[in-house]
Protein backbone atom coordinates (compact mmCIF):
# COMPACT_ATOMS: atom_id res chain seq x y z
CA MET A 1 -84.24 -139.81 64.51
CA GLU A 2 -81.48 -140.85 62.31
CA SER A 3 -78.91 -141.47 65.32
CA PHE A 4 -81.09 -143.66 66.85
CA PHE A 5 -81.29 -146.18 64.37
CA GLU A 6 -77.56 -145.56 63.74
CA ILE A 7 -76.88 -146.25 67.85
CA ILE A 8 -79.37 -149.47 67.58
CA PHE A 9 -77.69 -150.88 64.61
CA GLU A 10 -74.14 -150.49 65.73
CA ILE A 11 -75.22 -152.18 68.70
CA ILE A 12 -76.95 -155.14 67.08
CA PHE A 13 -73.73 -155.41 64.74
CA GLU A 14 -71.40 -155.39 67.75
CA LEU A 15 -73.33 -158.14 69.54
CA VAL A 16 -73.27 -160.09 66.12
CA ILE A 17 -69.37 -159.52 65.30
CA GLU A 18 -68.66 -160.53 69.05
CA GLY A 19 -70.89 -163.33 69.24
CA SER A 20 -69.52 -164.91 66.06
CA LEU A 21 -65.95 -164.15 67.47
CA GLU A 22 -66.50 -165.80 70.76
CA LEU A 23 -68.36 -168.48 69.22
CA SER A 24 -65.36 -169.36 66.36
CA MET A 25 -63.00 -169.89 69.26
CA THR A 26 -64.44 -171.73 71.98
CA LYS A 27 -63.60 -175.55 72.15
CA SER A 28 -66.99 -176.38 73.32
CA ILE A 29 -68.48 -179.75 72.81
CA LYS A 30 -72.02 -178.33 72.95
CA VAL A 31 -71.08 -175.80 69.92
CA PRO A 32 -70.85 -178.12 66.46
CA LEU A 33 -67.32 -177.68 64.53
CA LEU A 34 -69.44 -176.57 61.41
CA LEU A 35 -70.89 -173.95 63.30
CA ARG A 36 -67.64 -172.20 64.58
CA ILE A 37 -66.01 -172.69 61.03
CA LEU A 38 -69.21 -170.84 59.38
CA ALA A 39 -68.69 -168.00 62.56
CA ALA A 40 -65.17 -167.83 61.59
CA LEU A 41 -65.64 -167.32 58.05
CA PHE A 42 -68.54 -164.70 58.80
CA ILE A 43 -66.43 -162.62 60.74
CA ILE A 44 -63.38 -162.86 57.99
CA GLY A 45 -65.92 -162.05 55.36
CA ILE A 46 -67.09 -158.81 57.19
CA GLY A 47 -63.53 -157.56 57.80
CA GLY A 48 -62.31 -158.55 54.50
CA GLY A 49 -65.61 -156.79 52.76
CA LEU A 50 -64.84 -153.57 54.83
CA CYS A 51 -61.38 -153.34 53.69
CA ALA A 52 -62.65 -154.02 50.29
CA VAL A 53 -65.14 -151.11 50.36
CA PHE A 54 -62.18 -148.91 51.52
CA PHE A 55 -59.56 -149.82 49.14
CA ILE A 56 -62.18 -149.45 46.14
CA ALA A 57 -63.21 -146.33 47.40
CA GLY A 58 -59.75 -144.95 47.68
CA ILE A 59 -58.80 -146.11 44.15
CA LYS A 60 -62.21 -144.70 42.67
CA ASN A 61 -61.59 -141.21 44.33
CA LYS A 62 -57.65 -141.23 44.33
CA GLN A 63 -57.64 -141.24 47.93
CA PRO A 64 -54.31 -142.80 49.36
CA LEU A 65 -55.81 -142.11 52.92
CA PHE A 66 -58.63 -144.39 51.98
CA ILE A 67 -56.31 -147.01 50.84
CA GLY A 68 -54.25 -146.96 53.89
CA VAL A 69 -56.99 -147.40 56.12
CA SER A 70 -58.17 -150.30 54.33
CA VAL A 71 -54.40 -152.06 54.58
CA PHE A 72 -54.32 -150.81 58.40
CA LEU A 73 -57.70 -152.32 58.82
CA LEU A 74 -56.51 -155.84 56.75
CA ILE A 75 -53.35 -155.82 59.34
CA MET A 76 -55.55 -155.41 62.34
CA ILE A 77 -58.15 -157.88 61.38
CA ILE A 78 -55.09 -160.30 60.61
CA VAL A 79 -53.55 -159.38 64.04
CA ALA A 80 -56.36 -160.07 65.95
CA PHE A 81 -57.37 -163.36 64.32
CA ILE A 82 -54.01 -164.36 65.09
CA THR A 83 -54.11 -163.45 68.73
CA LYS A 84 -57.08 -165.27 69.38
CA TYR A 85 -55.91 -168.37 67.73
CA ARG A 86 -52.74 -168.24 69.96
CA GLU A 87 -55.26 -167.78 72.76
CA TYR A 88 -57.12 -170.75 71.41
CA ARG A 89 -54.31 -173.14 70.94
CA ARG A 90 -53.13 -172.43 74.67
CA LYS A 91 -56.43 -173.49 75.77
């Protein structure tokens, strides 16, 4: 039963993240700028928080793998954000 809840949580979390990412990168007049900014901050906060959790866990447990994963995730989040921003600017 636990795996069922994990799957449901993952689906909901993915929908929220993808929805926030698309909302933050849209140029639609129907979506207020403040809402797009809040969605972008939400995405950055989730990514930064995840990186921080891995980084802190790596330091506390003296695991360089966790530290490496957190740095990798941070780099991937930055690359994804830059890519989406460039797509947004081209439109």
